[in-house]
Amino acid sequence: MTAAEETKDPFADEAWRTAIEHAAGCLACRTPGAGCQTGEALLDAYNAAMRQRRPGDAG
């Protein structure tokens, strides 16, 4: 299996896509220094998916 094949995770890909799509339409996400609870939650979901994909990594 190649490195590219090993990194394919549909859940992580979907979590990333959802976070990016939100950020693209969210004024708070696009404004430097502004906070967005939804954007942060979506990024947290993506990070959790990445940790689950690599259970041996310390996080």
C-alpha atoms as a PDB file:
ATOM      1  CA  MET A   1       0.000   0.000   0.000  1.00  0.00           C
ATOM      2  CA  THR A   2       1.358   3.444  -0.865  1.00  0.00           C
ATOM      3  CA  ALA A   3       1.415   6.416   1.478  1.00  0.00           C
ATOM      4  CA  ALA A   4      -1.407   8.036  -0.504  1.00  0.00           C
ATOM      5  CA  GLU A   5      -3.577   4.950  -0.082  1.00  0.00           C
ATOM      6  CA  GLU A   6      -2.850   4.790   3.640  1.00  0.00           C
ATOM      7  CA  THR A   7      -4.017   8.369   4.200  1.00  0.00           C
ATOM      8  CA  LYS A   8      -7.404   7.946   2.534  1.00  0.00           C
ATOM      9  CA  ASP A   9     -10.124   8.131   5.179  1.00  0.00           C
ATOM     10  CA  PRO A  10     -13.623   9.007   3.997  1.00  0.00           C
ATOM     11  CA  PHE A  11     -14.688  10.336   7.410  1.00  0.00           C
ATOM     12  CA  ALA A  12     -11.637  12.565   7.770  1.00  0.00           C
ATOM     13  CA  ASP A  13     -12.022  13.756   4.179  1.00  0.00           C
ATOM     14  CA  GLU A  14     -15.688  14.583   4.789  1.00  0.00           C
ATOM     15  CA  ALA A  15     -14.895  16.340   8.079  1.00  0.00           C
ATOM     16  CA  TRP A  16     -12.248  18.438   6.324  1.00  0.00           C
ATOM     17  CA  ARG A  17     -14.567  19.267   3.432  1.00  0.00           C
ATOM     18  CA  THR A  18     -17.326  20.320   5.832  1.00  0.00           C
ATOM     19  CA  ALA A  19     -14.943  22.577   7.776  1.00  0.00           C
ATOM     20  CA  ILE A  20     -13.621  24.212   4.602  1.00  0.00           C
ATOM     21  CA  GLU A  21     -17.098  24.745   3.156  1.00  0.00           C
ATOM     22  CA  HIS A  22     -18.218  26.346   6.408  1.00  0.00           C
ATOM     23  CA  ALA A  23     -15.168  28.602   6.568  1.00  0.00           C
ATOM     24  CA  ALA A  24     -15.666  29.711   2.961  1.00  0.00           C
ATOM     25  CA  GLY A  25     -19.104  31.094   3.782  1.00  0.00           C
ATOM     26  CA  CYS A  26     -18.517  32.283   7.343  1.00  0.00           C
ATOM     27  CA  LEU A  27     -17.489  35.898   7.856  1.00  0.00           C
ATOM     28  CA  ALA A  28     -16.108  35.176  11.327  1.00  0.00           C
ATOM     29  CA  CYS A  29     -13.922  32.348   9.991  1.00  0.00           C
ATOM     30  CA  ARG A  30     -12.548  34.587   7.259  1.00  0.00           C
ATOM     31  CA  THR A  31     -11.850  37.526   9.571  1.00  0.00           C
ATOM     32  CA  PRO A  32      -8.421  37.397  11.235  1.00  0.00           C
ATOM     33  CA  GLY A  33      -8.744  37.425  15.002  1.00  0.00           C
ATOM     34  CA  ALA A  34     -12.483  36.707  14.991  1.00  0.00           C
ATOM     35  CA  GLY A  35     -13.730  33.547  16.637  1.00  0.00           C
ATOM     36  CA  CYS A  36     -16.287  31.082  15.321  1.00  0.00           C
ATOM     37  CA  GLN A  37     -17.552  28.316  17.574  1.00  0.00           C
ATOM     38  CA  THR A  38     -18.957  26.337  14.640  1.00  0.00           C
ATOM     39  CA  GLY A  39     -15.692  26.554  12.714  1.00  0.00           C
ATOM     40  CA  GLU A  40     -13.721  25.479  15.769  1.00  0.00           C
ATOM     41  CA  ALA A  41     -16.089  22.542  16.360  1.00  0.00           C
ATOM     42  CA  LEU A  42     -15.727  21.423  12.742  1.00  0.00           C
ATOM     43  CA  LEU A  43     -11.940  21.580  12.962  1.00  0.00           C
ATOM     44  CA  ASP A  44     -12.079  19.639  16.236  1.00  0.00           C
ATOM     45  CA  ALA A  45     -14.168  16.950  14.497  1.00  0.00           C
ATOM     46  CA  TYR A  46     -11.583  16.747  11.723  1.00  0.00           C
ATOM     47  CA  ASN A  47      -8.732  16.478  14.240  1.00  0.00           C
ATOM     48  CA  ALA A  48     -10.585  13.711  16.092  1.00  0.00           C
ATOM     49  CA  ALA A  49     -11.059  11.806  12.831  1.00  0.00           C
ATOM     50  CA  MET A  50      -7.358  12.118  12.118  1.00  0.00           C
ATOM     51  CA  ARG A  51      -6.454  10.834  15.598  1.00  0.00           C
ATOM     52  CA  GLN A  52      -8.790   7.855  15.173  1.00  0.00           C
ATOM     53  CA  ARG A  53      -7.174   7.070  11.855  1.00  0.00           C
ATOM     54  CA  ARG A  54      -3.743   6.951  13.531  1.00  0.00           C
ATOM     55  CA  PRO A  55      -4.419   5.324  16.913  1.00  0.00           C
ATOM     56  CA  GLY A  56      -0.694   4.881  17.624  1.00  0.00           C
ATOM     57  CA  ASP A  57       0.015   8.607  17.521  1.00  0.00           C
ATOM     58  CA  ALA A  58       0.046  10.561  20.765  1.00  0.00           C
ATOM     59  CA  GLY A  59      -2.269  13.485  20.626  1.00  0.00           C
END
